[in-house]
Amino acid sequence: MKKTALLVLSAALAMTPLAQAETTTIDLQLPTIGSGNYQRPYVAVWVERKGERRAVRTISVWYEDKKWLKDIRRWWRKAGRYAADLDGVTGATRAPGNYQLSWDGRDQVGQPLDAGKYTLYLEAVREHGNRTLLKQPITLGADTSQTYQLDAGLELGPVTVRIGE
């Protein structure tokens, strides 16, 4: 009986469609902002499964002082407050310029995400500045490559997202 149940469970898991851990490339820009009191923005980039409203992967977080991470409000509510260890995806704040991030299509524990619909979020906030939240619905496991262009916000310049290229 145990062997039969194990075989049925194994077969069911094998039939679950998984994304091929396809690579997603995110080109983003931090614009030059003319301000006498300019501070570099805190930036978070993460992915949520559509309909679940929880982060399945934090791709990157740029910050200077951990105590201000909660100011990246949307990311903090969805992932930041629950993340025990962010060392693998964090870095210092960045100066204005163009940057590229890469994501392997895996969740926080390294498992390929199921094929399906997700939302990519980019959030930037700056002390004595503004807040920008950009979001883009994406599909993992699609048969064709995808490219998305996101319009600039006050704290983020234009963003290009490429999946499966």
C-alpha atoms as a PDB file:
ATOM      1  CA  MET A   1       0.000   0.000   0.000  1.00  0.00           C
ATOM      2  CA  LYS A   2       2.780   2.441   0.915  1.00  0.00           C
ATOM      3  CA  LYS A   3       4.654   1.665  -2.317  1.00  0.00           C
ATOM      4  CA  THR A   4       1.509   2.259  -4.394  1.00  0.00           C
ATOM      5  CA  ALA A   5       0.799   5.591  -2.678  1.00  0.00           C
ATOM      6  CA  LEU A   6       4.419   6.642  -3.160  1.00  0.00           C
ATOM      7  CA  LEU A   7       4.309   5.726  -6.864  1.00  0.00           C
ATOM      8  CA  VAL A   8       1.063   7.660  -7.370  1.00  0.00           C
ATOM      9  CA  LEU A   9       2.492  10.689  -5.566  1.00  0.00           C
ATOM     10  CA  SER A  10       5.715  10.505  -7.578  1.00  0.00           C
ATOM     11  CA  ALA A  11       3.765  10.295 -10.849  1.00  0.00           C
ATOM     12  CA  ALA A  12       1.599  13.275  -9.873  1.00  0.00           C
ATOM     13  CA  LEU A  13       4.648  15.366  -9.030  1.00  0.00           C
ATOM     14  CA  ALA A  14       6.357  14.378 -12.260  1.00  0.00           C
ATOM     15  CA  MET A  15       3.326  15.604 -14.227  1.00  0.00           C
ATOM     16  CA  THR A  16       3.326  19.058 -12.583  1.00  0.00           C
ATOM     17  CA  PRO A  17       4.451  21.506 -15.284  1.00  0.00           C
ATOM     18  CA  LEU A  18       7.564  23.356 -14.239  1.00  0.00           C
ATOM     19  CA  ALA A  19       9.105  26.313 -15.969  1.00  0.00           C
ATOM     20  CA  GLN A  20      12.452  25.441 -17.495  1.00  0.00           C
ATOM     21  CA  ALA A  21      14.168  27.795 -15.051  1.00  0.00           C
ATOM     22  CA  GLU A  22      14.338  30.269 -17.905  1.00  0.00           C
ATOM     23  CA  THR A  23      16.490  33.334 -17.510  1.00  0.00           C
ATOM     24  CA  THR A  24      14.879  36.729 -17.031  1.00  0.00           C
ATOM     25  CA  THR A  25      16.991  39.819 -17.658  1.00  0.00           C
ATOM     26  CA  ILE A  26      15.959  43.174 -16.203  1.00  0.00           C
ATOM     27  CA  ASP A  27      17.591  46.357 -17.518  1.00  0.00           C
ATOM     28  CA  LEU A  28      16.792  49.298 -15.276  1.00  0.00           C
ATOM     29  CA  GLN A  29      17.913  52.868 -14.947  1.00  0.00           C
ATOM     30  CA  LEU A  30      18.324  55.064 -11.901  1.00  0.00           C
ATOM     31  CA  PRO A  31      17.827  58.579 -13.272  1.00  0.00           C
ATOM     32  CA  THR A  32      19.936  61.593 -12.408  1.00  0.00           C
ATOM     33  CA  ILE A  33      17.868  63.816 -10.133  1.00  0.00           C
ATOM     34  CA  GLY A  34      18.936  67.394  -9.582  1.00  0.00           C
ATOM     35  CA  SER A  35      18.441  67.944  -5.881  1.00  0.00           C
ATOM     36  CA  GLY A  36      20.633  69.602  -3.280  1.00  0.00           C
ATOM     37  CA  ASN A  37      19.803  66.896  -0.777  1.00  0.00           C
ATOM     38  CA  TYR A  38      20.050  63.865  -3.079  1.00  0.00           C
ATOM     39  CA  GLN A  39      20.210  60.436  -1.428  1.00  0.00           C
ATOM     40  CA  ARG A  40      20.636  57.232  -3.417  1.00  0.00           C
ATOM     41  CA  PRO A  41      17.389  55.243  -3.616  1.00  0.00           C
ATOM     42  CA  TYR A  42      16.654  51.966  -1.898  1.00  0.00           C
ATOM     43  CA  VAL A  43      15.503  49.510  -4.592  1.00  0.00           C
ATOM     44  CA  ALA A  44      13.756  46.128  -4.377  1.00  0.00           C
ATOM     45  CA  VAL A  45      12.927  43.766  -7.252  1.00  0.00           C
ATOM     46  CA  TRP A  46      10.753  40.707  -6.625  1.00  0.00           C
ATOM     47  CA  VAL A  47       8.266  38.276  -8.183  1.00  0.00           C
ATOM     48  CA  GLU A  48       4.803  37.268  -6.970  1.00  0.00           C
ATOM     49  CA  ARG A  49       2.636  34.415  -8.246  1.00  0.00           C
ATOM     50  CA  LYS A  50      -0.541  35.864  -9.748  1.00  0.00           C
ATOM     51  CA  GLY A  51      -3.458  35.660  -7.344  1.00  0.00           C
ATOM     52  CA  GLU A  52      -1.376  34.769  -4.279  1.00  0.00           C
ATOM     53  CA  ARG A  53      -0.114  38.252  -3.428  1.00  0.00           C
ATOM     54  CA  ARG A  54       3.042  36.951  -1.780  1.00  0.00           C
ATOM     55  CA  ALA A  55       6.623  37.046  -2.965  1.00  0.00           C
ATOM     56  CA  VAL A  56       7.987  33.814  -4.373  1.00  0.00           C
ATOM     57  CA  ARG A  57      11.416  35.340  -4.984  1.00  0.00           C
ATOM     58  CA  THR A  58      13.279  38.500  -4.066  1.00  0.00           C
ATOM     59  CA  ILE A  59      15.644  39.091  -6.978  1.00  0.00           C
ATOM     60  CA  SER A  60      17.557  42.042  -5.565  1.00  0.00           C
ATOM     61  CA  VAL A  61      17.502  44.645  -2.791  1.00  0.00           C
ATOM     62  CA  TRP A  62      19.816  47.665  -2.719  1.00  0.00           C
ATOM     63  CA  TYR A  63      20.047  49.461   0.593  1.00  0.00           C
ATOM     64  CA  GLU A  64      22.445  51.231   2.936  1.00  0.00           C
ATOM     65  CA  ASP A  65      20.997  50.818   6.438  1.00  0.00           C
ATOM     66  CA  LYS A  66      18.873  47.783   7.367  1.00  0.00           C
ATOM     67  CA  LYS A  67      16.635  49.792   9.686  1.00  0.00           C
ATOM     68  CA  TRP A  68      15.181  51.689   6.683  1.00  0.00           C
ATOM     69  CA  LEU A  69      14.243  48.589   4.635  1.00  0.00           C
ATOM     70  CA  LYS A  70      10.655  48.937   5.846  1.00  0.00           C
ATOM     71  CA  ASP A  71      10.452  52.153   3.805  1.00  0.00           C
ATOM     72  CA  ILE A  72      10.398  49.988   0.668  1.00  0.00           C
ATOM     73  CA  ARG A  73       6.778  49.511   1.704  1.00  0.00           C
ATOM     74  CA  ARG A  74       5.283  47.102  -0.787  1.00  0.00           C
ATOM     75  CA  TRP A  75       8.312  44.798  -0.815  1.00  0.00           C
ATOM     76  CA  TRP A  76       8.543  44.932   2.987  1.00  0.00           C
ATOM     77  CA  ARG A  77       4.910  43.811   3.387  1.00  0.00           C
ATOM     78  CA  LYS A  78       5.237  41.015   0.812  1.00  0.00           C
ATOM     79  CA  ALA A  79       8.728  39.655   1.500  1.00  0.00           C
ATOM     80  CA  GLY A  80      11.120  41.784   3.527  1.00  0.00           C
ATOM     81  CA  ARG A  81       9.677  41.287   6.980  1.00  0.00           C
ATOM     82  CA  TYR A  82       9.636  37.503   6.441  1.00  0.00           C
ATOM     83  CA  ALA A  83      13.115  37.128   4.964  1.00  0.00           C
ATOM     84  CA  ALA A  84      15.559  35.698   7.469  1.00  0.00           C
ATOM     85  CA  ASP A  85      18.614  36.020   5.244  1.00  0.00           C
ATOM     86  CA  LEU A  86      18.863  38.368   2.283  1.00  0.00           C
ATOM     87  CA  ASP A  87      22.650  38.330   1.936  1.00  0.00           C
ATOM     88  CA  GLY A  88      22.555  36.542  -1.432  1.00  0.00           C
ATOM     89  CA  VAL A  89      20.412  39.199  -3.110  1.00  0.00           C
ATOM     90  CA  THR A  90      21.395  42.442  -1.401  1.00  0.00           C
ATOM     91  CA  GLY A  91      23.851  45.138  -2.261  1.00  0.00           C
ATOM     92  CA  ALA A  92      24.668  48.746  -1.563  1.00  0.00           C
ATOM     93  CA  THR A  93      22.588  51.578  -2.966  1.00  0.00           C
ATOM     94  CA  ARG A  94      23.649  52.607  -6.470  1.00  0.00           C
ATOM     95  CA  ALA A  95      24.465  55.895  -8.128  1.00  0.00           C
ATOM     96  CA  PRO A  96      22.421  57.089 -11.114  1.00  0.00           C
ATOM     97  CA  GLY A  97      23.105  54.913 -14.156  1.00  0.00           C
ATOM     98  CA  ASN A  98      22.064  51.796 -16.044  1.00  0.00           C
ATOM     99  CA  TYR A  99      22.027  48.394 -14.359  1.00  0.00           C
ATOM    100  CA  GLN A 100      21.208  44.828 -15.339  1.00  0.00           C
ATOM    101  CA  LEU A 101      19.768  42.105 -13.118  1.00  0.00           C
ATOM    102  CA  SER A 102      19.391  38.453 -14.005  1.00  0.00           C
ATOM    103  CA  TRP A 103      16.984  35.926 -12.487  1.00  0.00           C
ATOM    104  CA  ASP A 104      17.054  32.177 -13.107  1.00  0.00           C
ATOM    105  CA  GLY A 105      13.301  31.505 -12.717  1.00  0.00           C
ATOM    106  CA  ARG A 106      13.731  29.808  -9.348  1.00  0.00           C
ATOM    107  CA  ASP A 107      12.085  30.495  -5.997  1.00  0.00           C
ATOM    108  CA  GLN A 108      13.798  31.484  -2.729  1.00  0.00           C
ATOM    109  CA  VAL A 109      14.912  27.884  -2.037  1.00  0.00           C
ATOM    110  CA  GLY A 110      16.231  27.256  -5.561  1.00  0.00           C
ATOM    111  CA  GLN A 111      13.341  25.270  -7.036  1.00  0.00           C
ATOM    112  CA  PRO A 112      12.126  26.091 -10.571  1.00  0.00           C
ATOM    113  CA  LEU A 113       8.797  27.906 -10.438  1.00  0.00           C
ATOM    114  CA  ASP A 114       5.722  26.305 -11.982  1.00  0.00           C
ATOM    115  CA  ALA A 115       4.830  27.500 -15.459  1.00  0.00           C
ATOM    116  CA  GLY A 116       2.168  30.168 -15.209  1.00  0.00           C
ATOM    117  CA  LYS A 117       1.376  33.799 -14.583  1.00  0.00           C
ATOM    118  CA  TYR A 118       3.424  35.963 -12.236  1.00  0.00           C
ATOM    119  CA  THR A 119       3.987  39.657 -11.593  1.00  0.00           C
ATOM    120  CA  LEU A 120       7.428  41.291 -11.535  1.00  0.00           C
ATOM    121  CA  TYR A 121       7.703  44.291  -9.198  1.00  0.00           C
ATOM    122  CA  LEU A 122      10.320  47.039  -9.007  1.00  0.00           C
ATOM    123  CA  GLU A 123      10.108  49.509  -6.125  1.00  0.00           C
ATOM    124  CA  ALA A 124      12.398  52.465  -5.450  1.00  0.00           C
ATOM    125  CA  VAL A 125      12.205  54.956  -2.613  1.00  0.00           C
ATOM    126  CA  ARG A 126      14.520  57.799  -1.726  1.00  0.00           C
ATOM    127  CA  GLU A 127      14.934  59.828   1.447  1.00  0.00           C
ATOM    128  CA  HIS A 128      13.792  63.395   0.747  1.00  0.00           C
ATOM    129  CA  GLY A 129      12.512  62.076  -2.569  1.00  0.00           C
ATOM    130  CA  ASN A 130       9.712  60.092  -4.090  1.00  0.00           C
ATOM    131  CA  ARG A 131       8.521  56.524  -4.353  1.00  0.00           C
ATOM    132  CA  THR A 132       8.080  54.522  -7.555  1.00  0.00           C
ATOM    133  CA  LEU A 133       6.379  51.138  -7.882  1.00  0.00           C
ATOM    134  CA  LEU A 134       6.435  49.476 -11.305  1.00  0.00           C
ATOM    135  CA  LYS A 135       4.798  46.131 -12.015  1.00  0.00           C
ATOM    136  CA  GLN A 136       4.655  43.888 -15.045  1.00  0.00           C
ATOM    137  CA  PRO A 137       2.609  40.710 -15.509  1.00  0.00           C
ATOM    138  CA  ILE A 138       4.830  37.953 -16.944  1.00  0.00           C
ATOM    139  CA  THR A 139       4.341  34.350 -18.013  1.00  0.00           C
ATOM    140  CA  LEU A 140       6.880  31.665 -17.148  1.00  0.00           C
ATOM    141  CA  GLY A 141       7.059  28.506 -19.221  1.00  0.00           C
ATOM    142  CA  ALA A 142       5.774  30.152 -22.418  1.00  0.00           C
ATOM    143  CA  ASP A 143       7.000  28.663 -25.675  1.00  0.00           C
ATOM    144  CA  THR A 144       8.301  31.992 -26.990  1.00  0.00           C
ATOM    145  CA  SER A 145      10.585  34.667 -25.613  1.00  0.00           C
ATOM    146  CA  GLN A 146       8.970  37.792 -24.177  1.00  0.00           C
ATOM    147  CA  THR A 147      10.070  41.421 -23.974  1.00  0.00           C
ATOM    148  CA  TYR A 148       8.346  44.129 -21.956  1.00  0.00           C
ATOM    149  CA  GLN A 149       9.015  47.883 -21.776  1.00  0.00           C
ATOM    150  CA  LEU A 150       7.987  49.688 -18.578  1.00  0.00           C
ATOM    151  CA  ASP A 151       7.648  53.460 -18.537  1.00  0.00           C
ATOM    152  CA  ALA A 152       9.825  55.505 -16.207  1.00  0.00           C
ATOM    153  CA  GLY A 153       8.626  56.621 -12.797  1.00  0.00           C
ATOM    154  CA  LEU A 154       9.961  59.420 -10.589  1.00  0.00           C
ATOM    155  CA  GLU A 155      12.710  57.270  -9.014  1.00  0.00           C
ATOM    156  CA  LEU A 156      13.214  54.660 -11.760  1.00  0.00           C
ATOM    157  CA  GLY A 157      13.979  55.280 -15.403  1.00  0.00           C
ATOM    158  CA  PRO A 158      12.661  53.070 -18.210  1.00  0.00           C
ATOM    159  CA  VAL A 159      12.864  49.327 -17.571  1.00  0.00           C
ATOM    160  CA  THR A 160      13.202  46.481 -20.102  1.00  0.00           C
ATOM    161  CA  VAL A 161      12.332  42.909 -19.097  1.00  0.00           C
ATOM    162  CA  ARG A 162      13.391  40.003 -21.322  1.00  0.00           C
ATOM    163  CA  ILE A 163      12.343  36.394 -20.612  1.00  0.00           C
ATOM    164  CA  GLY A 164      13.722  33.345 -22.339  1.00  0.00           C
ATOM    165  CA  GLU A 165      16.162  35.047 -24.682  1.00  0.00           C
END
